[in-house]
Amino acid sequence: MRLTPSILPAALGLCLISAGPAFADGGGGGGGDKTPTCSRGEVYDARSNGCVKQGGSLLPDKALTEYAYTLAKAERYDEALDVIRATPRCASISARPM
């Protein structure tokens, strides 16, 4: 299914709203984010304390959205969006914003 450009922002917004609690923590002024960033195509798995293949792991939505936030803070925005799209709730979003 091909999403039209007007539907894509709404779909991404819905995915981000559903992941809201993970972003709500924010981490504003404490000691900083300790989550390491991985190579493109990998996500950080806190259970194994290492990077795992993005598609091959069964990480919960919360872990994926927290890692997407870590990537966004590191200004790796395209990769952060790819991680958000990999969550089961957002798997139907396949088009990239223009």
PDB file of N, CA and C in Angstrom:
ATOM      1  N   MET A   1       0.835  -1.174   0.000  1.00  0.00           N
ATOM      2  CA  MET A   1       0.000   0.000   0.000  1.00  0.00           C
ATOM      3  C   MET A   1       0.883   1.240   0.000  1.00  0.00           C
ATOM      4  N   ARG A   2       0.641   2.139  -0.882  1.00  0.00           N
ATOM      5  CA  ARG A   2       1.413   3.370  -0.973  1.00  0.00           C
ATOM      6  C   ARG A   2       0.659   4.482  -0.255  1.00  0.00           C
ATOM      7  N   LEU A   3       1.334   5.129   0.690  1.00  0.00           N
ATOM      8  CA  LEU A   3       0.717   6.212   1.445  1.00  0.00           C
ATOM      9  C   LEU A   3       0.908   7.532   0.707  1.00  0.00           C
ATOM     10  N   THR A   4      -0.124   8.315   0.645  1.00  0.00           N
ATOM     11  CA  THR A   4       0.002   9.628   0.027  1.00  0.00           C
ATOM     12  C   THR A   4       0.720  10.553   0.994  1.00  0.00           C
ATOM     13  N   PRO A   5       1.365  11.599   0.488  1.00  0.00           N
ATOM     14  CA  PRO A   5       2.114  12.500   1.362  1.00  0.00           C
ATOM     15  C   PRO A   5       1.270  13.120   2.475  1.00  0.00           C
ATOM     16  N   SER A   6      -0.034  13.304   2.265  1.00  0.00           N
ATOM     17  CA  SER A   6      -0.855  13.916   3.307  1.00  0.00           C
ATOM     18  C   SER A   6      -1.185  12.937   4.426  1.00  0.00           C
ATOM     19  N   ILE A   7      -1.171  11.641   4.147  1.00  0.00           N
ATOM     20  CA  ILE A   7      -1.473  10.641   5.167  1.00  0.00           C
ATOM     21  C   ILE A   7      -0.231  10.310   5.986  1.00  0.00           C
ATOM     22  N   LEU A   8       0.935  10.395   5.387  1.00  0.00           N
ATOM     23  CA  LEU A   8       2.174  10.014   6.056  1.00  0.00           C
ATOM     24  C   LEU A   8       2.417  10.782   7.353  1.00  0.00           C
ATOM     25  N   PRO A   9       2.310  12.121   7.386  1.00  0.00           N
ATOM     26  CA  PRO A   9       2.535  12.811   8.661  1.00  0.00           C
ATOM     27  C   PRO A   9       1.552  12.382   9.744  1.00  0.00           C
ATOM     28  N   ALA A  10       0.313  12.124   9.363  1.00  0.00           N
ATOM     29  CA  ALA A  10      -0.674  11.673  10.347  1.00  0.00           C
ATOM     30  C   ALA A  10      -0.307  10.299  10.894  1.00  0.00           C
ATOM     31  N   ALA A  11       0.151   9.411  10.018  1.00  0.00           N
ATOM     32  CA  ALA A  11       0.530   8.071  10.454  1.00  0.00           C
ATOM     33  C   ALA A  11       1.750   8.118  11.373  1.00  0.00           C
ATOM     34  N   LEU A  12       2.749   8.913  11.014  1.00  0.00           N
ATOM     35  CA  LEU A  12       3.922   9.050  11.882  1.00  0.00           C
ATOM     36  C   LEU A  12       3.547   9.669  13.219  1.00  0.00           C
ATOM     37  N   GLY A  13       2.651  10.656  13.186  1.00  0.00           N
ATOM     38  CA  GLY A  13       2.197  11.280  14.423  1.00  0.00           C
ATOM     39  C   GLY A  13       1.508  10.281  15.327  1.00  0.00           C
ATOM     40  N   LEU A  14       0.690   9.411  14.748  1.00  0.00           N
ATOM     41  CA  LEU A  14       0.003   8.392  15.531  1.00  0.00           C
ATOM     42  C   LEU A  14       0.998   7.457  16.193  1.00  0.00           C
ATOM     43  N   CYS A  15       2.035   7.059  15.460  1.00  0.00           N
ATOM     44  CA  CYS A  15       3.056   6.182  16.045  1.00  0.00           C
ATOM     45  C   CYS A  15       3.809   6.876  17.167  1.00  0.00           C
ATOM     46  N   LEU A  16       4.126   8.139  16.985  1.00  0.00           N
ATOM     47  CA  LEU A  16       4.852   8.864  18.024  1.00  0.00           C
ATOM     48  C   LEU A  16       3.980   9.100  19.247  1.00  0.00           C
ATOM     49  N   ILE A  17       2.683   9.337  19.036  1.00  0.00           N
ATOM     50  CA  ILE A  17       1.774   9.516  20.168  1.00  0.00           C
ATOM     51  C   ILE A  17       1.655   8.219  20.950  1.00  0.00           C
ATOM     52  N   SER A  18       1.587   7.087  20.253  1.00  0.00           N
ATOM     53  CA  SER A  18       1.477   5.813  20.943  1.00  0.00           C
ATOM     54  C   SER A  18       2.760   5.493  21.707  1.00  0.00           C
ATOM     55  N   ALA A  19       3.866   6.084  21.299  1.00  0.00           N
ATOM     56  CA  ALA A  19       5.136   5.883  21.994  1.00  0.00           C
ATOM     57  C   ALA A  19       5.404   7.019  22.970  1.00  0.00           C
ATOM     58  N   GLY A  20       4.441   7.873  23.202  1.00  0.00           N
ATOM     59  CA  GLY A  20       4.592   9.056  24.039  1.00  0.00           C
ATOM     60  C   GLY A  20       5.213   8.831  25.404  1.00  0.00           C
ATOM     61  N   PRO A  21       4.743   7.817  26.171  1.00  0.00           N
ATOM     62  CA  PRO A  21       5.328   7.637  27.506  1.00  0.00           C
ATOM     63  C   PRO A  21       6.830   7.422  27.487  1.00  0.00           C
ATOM     64  N   ALA A  22       7.351   6.790  26.448  1.00  0.00           N
ATOM     65  CA  ALA A  22       8.794   6.577  26.370  1.00  0.00           C
ATOM     66  C   ALA A  22       9.529   7.897  26.170  1.00  0.00           C
ATOM     67  N   PHE A  23       8.924   8.832  25.433  1.00  0.00           N
ATOM     68  CA  PHE A  23       9.548  10.124  25.192  1.00  0.00           C
ATOM     69  C   PHE A  23       9.274  11.111  26.325  1.00  0.00           C
ATOM     70  N   ALA A  24       8.242  10.867  27.122  1.00  0.00           N
ATOM     71  CA  ALA A  24       7.832  11.817  28.150  1.00  0.00           C
ATOM     72  C   ALA A  24       8.900  11.980  29.226  1.00  0.00           C
ATOM     73  N   ASP A  25       9.681  10.943  29.473  1.00  0.00           N
ATOM     74  CA  ASP A  25      10.705  11.022  30.502  1.00  0.00           C
ATOM     75  C   ASP A  25      11.712  12.111  30.188  1.00  0.00           C
ATOM     76  N   GLY A  26      12.092  12.241  28.958  1.00  0.00           N
ATOM     77  CA  GLY A  26      12.914  13.366  28.512  1.00  0.00           C
ATOM     78  C   GLY A  26      14.328  13.375  29.028  1.00  0.00           C
ATOM     79  N   GLY A  27      14.538  13.203  30.297  1.00  0.00           N
ATOM     80  CA  GLY A  27      15.868  13.192  30.851  1.00  0.00           C
ATOM     81  C   GLY A  27      16.501  14.566  30.973  1.00  0.00           C
ATOM     82  N   GLY A  28      15.738  15.628  30.865  1.00  0.00           N
ATOM     83  CA  GLY A  28      16.133  17.017  30.836  1.00  0.00           C
ATOM     84  C   GLY A  28      17.439  17.443  31.446  1.00  0.00           C
ATOM     85  N   GLY A  29      17.764  17.169  32.697  1.00  0.00           N
ATOM     86  CA  GLY A  29      18.948  17.810  33.224  1.00  0.00           C
ATOM     87  C   GLY A  29      19.846  16.934  34.046  1.00  0.00           C
ATOM     88  N   GLY A  30      19.594  15.649  34.113  1.00  0.00           N
ATOM     89  CA  GLY A  30      20.367  14.770  34.965  1.00  0.00           C
ATOM     90  C   GLY A  30      21.763  14.519  34.461  1.00  0.00           C
ATOM     91  N   GLY A  31      22.221  13.294  34.658  1.00  0.00           N
ATOM     92  CA  GLY A  31      23.570  12.934  34.294  1.00  0.00           C
ATOM     93  C   GLY A  31      23.764  12.607  32.832  1.00  0.00           C
ATOM     94  N   GLY A  32      22.746  12.742  32.036  1.00  0.00           N
ATOM     95  CA  GLY A  32      22.893  12.466  30.613  1.00  0.00           C
ATOM     96  C   GLY A  32      22.470  11.062  30.270  1.00  0.00           C
ATOM     97  N   ASP A  33      22.356  10.799  28.992  1.00  0.00           N
ATOM     98  CA  ASP A  33      21.919   9.504  28.505  1.00  0.00           C
ATOM     99  C   ASP A  33      23.114   8.572  28.432  1.00  0.00           C
ATOM    100  N   LYS A  34      23.005   7.413  29.029  1.00  0.00           N
ATOM    101  CA  LYS A  34      24.097   6.442  29.057  1.00  0.00           C
ATOM    102  C   LYS A  34      23.947   5.382  27.971  1.00  0.00           C
ATOM    103  N   THR A  35      22.858   5.435  27.180  1.00  0.00           N
ATOM    104  CA  THR A  35      22.644   4.440  26.144  1.00  0.00           C
ATOM    105  C   THR A  35      23.618   4.662  24.999  1.00  0.00           C
ATOM    106  N   PRO A  36      24.429   3.657  24.680  1.00  0.00           N
ATOM    107  CA  PRO A  36      25.345   3.807  23.546  1.00  0.00           C
ATOM    108  C   PRO A  36      24.585   3.735  22.226  1.00  0.00           C
ATOM    109  N   THR A  37      25.160   4.282  21.187  1.00  0.00           N
ATOM    110  CA  THR A  37      24.562   4.175  19.862  1.00  0.00           C
ATOM    111  C   THR A  37      25.290   3.076  19.096  1.00  0.00           C
ATOM    112  N   CYS A  38      24.552   2.402  18.244  1.00  0.00           N
ATOM    113  CA  CYS A  38      25.086   1.283  17.475  1.00  0.00           C
ATOM    114  C   CYS A  38      25.258   1.684  16.021  1.00  0.00           C
ATOM    115  N   SER A  39      25.821   0.803  15.247  1.00  0.00           N
ATOM    116  CA  SER A  39      25.968   1.023  13.805  1.00  0.00           C
ATOM    117  C   SER A  39      24.598   1.014  13.143  1.00  0.00           C
ATOM    118  N   ARG A  40      24.525   1.589  11.948  1.00  0.00           N
ATOM    119  CA  ARG A  40      23.264   1.598  11.191  1.00  0.00           C
ATOM    120  C   ARG A  40      22.780   0.153  11.009  1.00  0.00           C
ATOM    121  N   GLY A  41      21.486  -0.062  11.225  1.00  0.00           N
ATOM    122  CA  GLY A  41      20.906  -1.399  11.081  1.00  0.00           C
ATOM    123  C   GLY A  41      20.919  -2.216  12.351  1.00  0.00           C
ATOM    124  N   GLU A  42      21.460  -1.639  13.427  1.00  0.00           N
ATOM    125  CA  GLU A  42      21.488  -2.315  14.717  1.00  0.00           C
ATOM    126  C   GLU A  42      20.803  -1.446  15.759  1.00  0.00           C
ATOM    127  N   VAL A  43      20.296  -2.078  16.808  1.00  0.00           N
ATOM    128  CA  VAL A  43      19.692  -1.363  17.927  1.00  0.00           C
ATOM    129  C   VAL A  43      20.335  -1.854  19.212  1.00  0.00           C
ATOM    130  N   TYR A  44      20.297  -1.006  20.242  1.00  0.00           N
ATOM    131  CA  TYR A  44      20.884  -1.367  21.526  1.00  0.00           C
ATOM    132  C   TYR A  44      19.900  -2.211  22.318  1.00  0.00           C
ATOM    133  N   ASP A  45      20.355  -3.336  22.837  1.00  0.00           N
ATOM    134  CA  ASP A  45      19.543  -4.216  23.670  1.00  0.00           C
ATOM    135  C   ASP A  45      20.090  -4.156  25.090  1.00  0.00           C
ATOM    136  N   ALA A  46      19.316  -3.559  25.991  1.00  0.00           N
ATOM    137  CA  ALA A  46      19.760  -3.392  27.377  1.00  0.00           C
ATOM    138  C   ALA A  46      19.891  -4.737  28.088  1.00  0.00           C
ATOM    139  N   ARG A  47      19.117  -5.731  27.665  1.00  0.00           N
ATOM    140  CA  ARG A  47      19.190  -7.046  28.315  1.00  0.00           C
ATOM    141  C   ARG A  47      20.546  -7.697  28.093  1.00  0.00           C
ATOM    142  N   SER A  48      21.090  -7.538  26.886  1.00  0.00           N
ATOM    143  CA  SER A  48      22.392  -8.149  26.590  1.00  0.00           C
ATOM    144  C   SER A  48      23.529  -7.139  26.671  1.00  0.00           C
ATOM    145  N   ASN A  49      23.187  -5.875  26.937  1.00  0.00           N
ATOM    146  CA  ASN A  49      24.173  -4.786  26.998  1.00  0.00           C
ATOM    147  C   ASN A  49      25.016  -4.716  25.729  1.00  0.00           C
ATOM    148  N   GLY A  50      24.348  -4.869  24.595  1.00  0.00           N
ATOM    149  CA  GLY A  50      25.068  -4.801  23.335  1.00  0.00           C
ATOM    150  C   GLY A  50      24.147  -4.492  22.176  1.00  0.00           C
ATOM    151  N   CYS A  51      24.730  -4.377  21.018  1.00  0.00           N
ATOM    152  CA  CYS A  51      23.981  -4.076  19.800  1.00  0.00           C
ATOM    153  C   CYS A  51      23.528  -5.379  19.154  1.00  0.00           C
ATOM    154  N   VAL A  52      22.296  -5.374  18.658  1.00  0.00           N
ATOM    155  CA  VAL A  52      21.749  -6.531  17.960  1.00  0.00           C
ATOM    156  C   VAL A  52      21.177  -6.067  16.639  1.00  0.00           C
ATOM    157  N   LYS A  53      21.039  -6.982  15.655  1.00  0.00           N
ATOM    158  CA  LYS A  53      20.457  -6.621  14.370  1.00  0.00           C
ATOM    159  C   LYS A  53      19.046  -6.089  14.578  1.00  0.00           C
ATOM    160  N   GLN A  54      18.726  -5.014  13.880  1.00  0.00           N
ATOM    161  CA  GLN A  54      17.443  -4.344  14.077  1.00  0.00           C
ATOM    162  C   GLN A  54      16.265  -5.262  13.793  1.00  0.00           C
ATOM    163  N   GLY A  55      16.262  -5.978  12.694  1.00  0.00           N
ATOM    164  CA  GLY A  55      15.131  -6.821  12.336  1.00  0.00           C
ATOM    165  C   GLY A  55      15.140  -8.171  13.030  1.00  0.00           C
ATOM    166  N   GLY A  56      16.267  -8.597  13.524  1.00  0.00           N
ATOM    167  CA  GLY A  56      16.378  -9.930  14.086  1.00  0.00           C
ATOM    168  C   GLY A  56      16.046 -10.032  15.558  1.00  0.00           C
ATOM    169  N   SER A  57      15.847  -8.933  16.246  1.00  0.00           N
ATOM    170  CA  SER A  57      15.586  -8.994  17.679  1.00  0.00           C
ATOM    171  C   SER A  57      14.111  -8.767  17.956  1.00  0.00           C
ATOM    172  N   LEU A  58      13.664  -9.281  19.057  1.00  0.00           N
ATOM    173  CA  LEU A  58      12.282  -9.089  19.475  1.00  0.00           C
ATOM    174  C   LEU A  58      12.252  -8.151  20.672  1.00  0.00           C
ATOM    175  N   LEU A  59      12.718  -6.946  20.468  1.00  0.00           N
ATOM    176  CA  LEU A  59      12.731  -5.961  21.539  1.00  0.00           C
ATOM    177  C   LEU A  59      11.338  -5.354  21.695  1.00  0.00           C
ATOM    178  N   PRO A  60      10.957  -5.018  22.927  1.00  0.00           N
ATOM    179  CA  PRO A  60       9.651  -4.387  23.128  1.00  0.00           C
ATOM    180  C   PRO A  60       9.604  -2.973  22.552  1.00  0.00           C
ATOM    181  N   ASP A  61       8.385  -2.498  22.277  1.00  0.00           N
ATOM    182  CA  ASP A  61       8.205  -1.153  21.728  1.00  0.00           C
ATOM    183  C   ASP A  61       8.908  -0.099  22.565  1.00  0.00           C
ATOM    184  N   LYS A  62       8.824  -0.219  23.873  1.00  0.00           N
ATOM    185  CA  LYS A  62       9.432   0.787  24.754  1.00  0.00           C
ATOM    186  C   LYS A  62      10.940   0.868  24.536  1.00  0.00           C
ATOM    187  N   ALA A  63      11.601  -0.274  24.425  1.00  0.00           N
ATOM    188  CA  ALA A  63      13.050  -0.282  24.211  1.00  0.00           C
ATOM    189  C   ALA A  63      13.399   0.346  22.865  1.00  0.00           C
ATOM    190  N   LEU A  64      12.598   0.043  21.838  1.00  0.00           N
ATOM    191  CA  LEU A  64      12.863   0.604  20.509  1.00  0.00           C
ATOM    192  C   LEU A  64      12.640   2.113  20.493  1.00  0.00           C
ATOM    193  N   THR A  65      11.579   2.598  21.144  1.00  0.00           N
ATOM    194  CA  THR A  65      11.329   4.037  21.144  1.00  0.00           C
ATOM    195  C   THR A  65      12.377   4.779  21.967  1.00  0.00           C
ATOM    196  N   GLU A  66      12.845   4.178  23.052  1.00  0.00           N
ATOM    197  CA  GLU A  66      13.911   4.812  23.837  1.00  0.00           C
ATOM    198  C   GLU A  66      15.203   4.892  23.026  1.00  0.00           C
ATOM    199  N   TYR A  67      15.490   3.842  22.252  1.00  0.00           N
ATOM    200  CA  TYR A  67      16.694   3.876  21.429  1.00  0.00           C
ATOM    201  C   TYR A  67      16.545   4.889  20.298  1.00  0.00           C
ATOM    202  N   ALA A  68      15.348   4.995  19.730  1.00  0.00           N
ATOM    203  CA  ALA A  68      15.093   6.007  18.697  1.00  0.00           C
ATOM    204  C   ALA A  68      15.333   7.403  19.261  1.00  0.00           C
ATOM    205  N   TYR A  69      14.926   7.628  20.498  1.00  0.00           N
ATOM    206  CA  TYR A  69      15.162   8.916  21.151  1.00  0.00           C
ATOM    207  C   TYR A  69      16.658   9.172  21.318  1.00  0.00           C
ATOM    208  N   THR A  70      17.402   8.135  21.685  1.00  0.00           N
ATOM    209  CA  THR A  70      18.858   8.256  21.816  1.00  0.00           C
ATOM    210  C   THR A  70      19.491   8.634  20.474  1.00  0.00           C
ATOM    211  N   LEU A  71      19.036   7.992  19.394  1.00  0.00           N
ATOM    212  CA  LEU A  71      19.559   8.328  18.069  1.00  0.00           C
ATOM    213  C   LEU A  71      19.210   9.756  17.683  1.00  0.00           C
ATOM    214  N   ALA A  72      17.985  10.191  17.987  1.00  0.00           N
ATOM    215  CA  ALA A  72      17.572  11.560  17.651  1.00  0.00           C
ATOM    216  C   ALA A  72      18.424  12.574  18.410  1.00  0.00           C
ATOM    217  N   LYS A  73      18.734  12.292  19.670  1.00  0.00           N
ATOM    218  CA  LYS A  73      19.592  13.201  20.435  1.00  0.00           C
ATOM    219  C   LYS A  73      20.998  13.258  19.850  1.00  0.00           C
ATOM    220  N   ALA A  74      21.414  12.168  19.192  1.00  0.00           N
ATOM    221  CA  ALA A  74      22.730  12.136  18.548  1.00  0.00           C
ATOM    222  C   ALA A  74      22.663  12.685  17.122  1.00  0.00           C
ATOM    223  N   GLU A  75      21.524  13.278  16.762  1.00  0.00           N
ATOM    224  CA  GLU A  75      21.279  13.874  15.449  1.00  0.00           C
ATOM    225  C   GLU A  75      21.351  12.857  14.318  1.00  0.00           C
ATOM    226  N   ARG A  76      20.952  11.628  14.592  1.00  0.00           N
ATOM    227  CA  ARG A  76      20.867  10.565  13.589  1.00  0.00           C
ATOM    228  C   ARG A  76      19.379  10.329  13.295  1.00  0.00           C
ATOM    229  N   TYR A  77      18.740  11.350  12.728  1.00  0.00           N
ATOM    230  CA  TYR A  77      17.289  11.393  12.597  1.00  0.00           C
ATOM    231  C   TYR A  77      16.729  10.313  11.669  1.00  0.00           C
ATOM    232  N   ASP A  78      17.350  10.081  10.532  1.00  0.00           N
ATOM    233  CA  ASP A  78      16.857   9.051   9.614  1.00  0.00           C
ATOM    234  C   ASP A  78      16.864   7.677  10.275  1.00  0.00           C
ATOM    235  N   GLU A  79      17.926   7.389  11.007  1.00  0.00           N
ATOM    236  CA  GLU A  79      18.013   6.109  11.692  1.00  0.00           C
ATOM    237  C   GLU A  79      16.969   6.007  12.802  1.00  0.00           C
ATOM    238  N   ALA A  80      16.712   7.118  13.502  1.00  0.00           N
ATOM    239  CA  ALA A  80      15.690   7.130  14.554  1.00  0.00           C
ATOM    240  C   ALA A  80      14.321   6.817  13.958  1.00  0.00           C
ATOM    241  N   LEU A  81      14.014   7.408  12.810  1.00  0.00           N
ATOM    242  CA  LEU A  81      12.738   7.121  12.153  1.00  0.00           C
ATOM    243  C   LEU A  81      12.666   5.666  11.699  1.00  0.00           C
ATOM    244  N   ASP A  82      13.776   5.118  11.239  1.00  0.00           N
ATOM    245  CA  ASP A  82      13.788   3.708  10.839  1.00  0.00           C
ATOM    246  C   ASP A  82      13.491   2.799  12.031  1.00  0.00           C
ATOM    247  N   VAL A  83      14.029   3.136  13.194  1.00  0.00           N
ATOM    248  CA  VAL A  83      13.767   2.334  14.392  1.00  0.00           C
ATOM    249  C   VAL A  83      12.302   2.455  14.788  1.00  0.00           C
ATOM    250  N   ILE A  84      11.739   3.668  14.731  1.00  0.00           N
ATOM    251  CA  ILE A  84      10.313   3.844  15.052  1.00  0.00           C
ATOM    252  C   ILE A  84       9.467   3.027  14.090  1.00  0.00           C
ATOM    253  N   ARG A  85       9.805   3.048  12.815  1.00  0.00           N
ATOM    254  CA  ARG A  85       9.036   2.279  11.819  1.00  0.00           C
ATOM    255  C   ARG A  85       9.136   0.780  12.070  1.00  0.00           C
ATOM    256  N   ALA A  86      10.175   0.329  12.747  1.00  0.00           N
ATOM    257  CA  ALA A  86      10.357  -1.101  13.014  1.00  0.00           C
ATOM    258  C   ALA A  86       9.486  -1.596  14.159  1.00  0.00           C
ATOM    259  N   THR A  87       8.897  -0.699  14.940  1.00  0.00           N
ATOM    260  CA  THR A  87       8.023  -1.139  16.022  1.00  0.00           C
ATOM    261  C   THR A  87       6.766  -1.747  15.419  1.00  0.00           C
ATOM    262  N   PRO A  88       6.225  -2.786  16.038  1.00  0.00           N
ATOM    263  CA  PRO A  88       5.038  -3.445  15.486  1.00  0.00           C
ATOM    264  C   PRO A  88       3.866  -2.494  15.245  1.00  0.00           C
ATOM    265  N   ARG A  89       3.657  -1.512  16.088  1.00  0.00           N
ATOM    266  CA  ARG A  89       2.547  -0.577  15.908  1.00  0.00           C
ATOM    267  C   ARG A  89       2.719   0.295  14.670  1.00  0.00           C
ATOM    268  N   CYS A  90       3.936   0.506  14.251  1.00  0.00           N
ATOM    269  CA  CYS A  90       4.215   1.403  13.129  1.00  0.00           C
ATOM    270  C   CYS A  90       4.741   0.664  11.905  1.00  0.00           C
ATOM    271  N   ALA A  91       4.640  -0.638  11.897  1.00  0.00           N
ATOM    272  CA  ALA A  91       5.209  -1.432  10.805  1.00  0.00           C
ATOM    273  C   ALA A  91       4.555  -1.138   9.456  1.00  0.00           C
ATOM    274  N   SER A  92       3.330  -0.606   9.461  1.00  0.00           N
ATOM    275  CA  SER A  92       2.653  -0.370   8.192  1.00  0.00           C
ATOM    276  C   SER A  92       3.132   0.905   7.499  1.00  0.00           C
ATOM    277  N   ILE A  93       3.955   1.708   8.167  1.00  0.00           N
ATOM    278  CA  ILE A  93       4.469   2.930   7.559  1.00  0.00           C
ATOM    279  C   ILE A  93       5.715   2.566   6.760  1.00  0.00           C
ATOM    280  N   SER A  94       5.606   2.602   5.451  1.00  0.00           N
ATOM    281  CA  SER A  94       6.741   2.191   4.637  1.00  0.00           C
ATOM    282  C   SER A  94       7.315   3.339   3.811  1.00  0.00           C
ATOM    283  N   ALA A  95       6.545   4.388   3.619  1.00  0.00           N
ATOM    284  CA  ALA A  95       7.024   5.515   2.804  1.00  0.00           C
ATOM    285  C   ALA A  95       7.878   6.444   3.647  1.00  0.00           C
ATOM    286  N   ARG A  96       8.845   7.064   3.014  1.00  0.00           N
ATOM    287  CA  ARG A  96       9.683   8.045   3.690  1.00  0.00           C
ATOM    288  C   ARG A  96       9.107   9.426   3.437  1.00  0.00           C
ATOM    289  N   PRO A  97       9.178  10.324   4.439  1.00  0.00           N
ATOM    290  CA  PRO A  97       8.685  11.699   4.214  1.00  0.00           C
ATOM    291  C   PRO A  97       9.522  12.398   3.158  1.00  0.00           C
ATOM    292  N   MET A  98       8.882  13.262   2.385  1.00  0.00           N
ATOM    293  CA  MET A  98       9.594  13.972   1.330  1.00  0.00           C
ATOM    294  C   MET A  98      10.021  15.335   1.786  1.00  0.00           C
TER     295      MET A  98
END
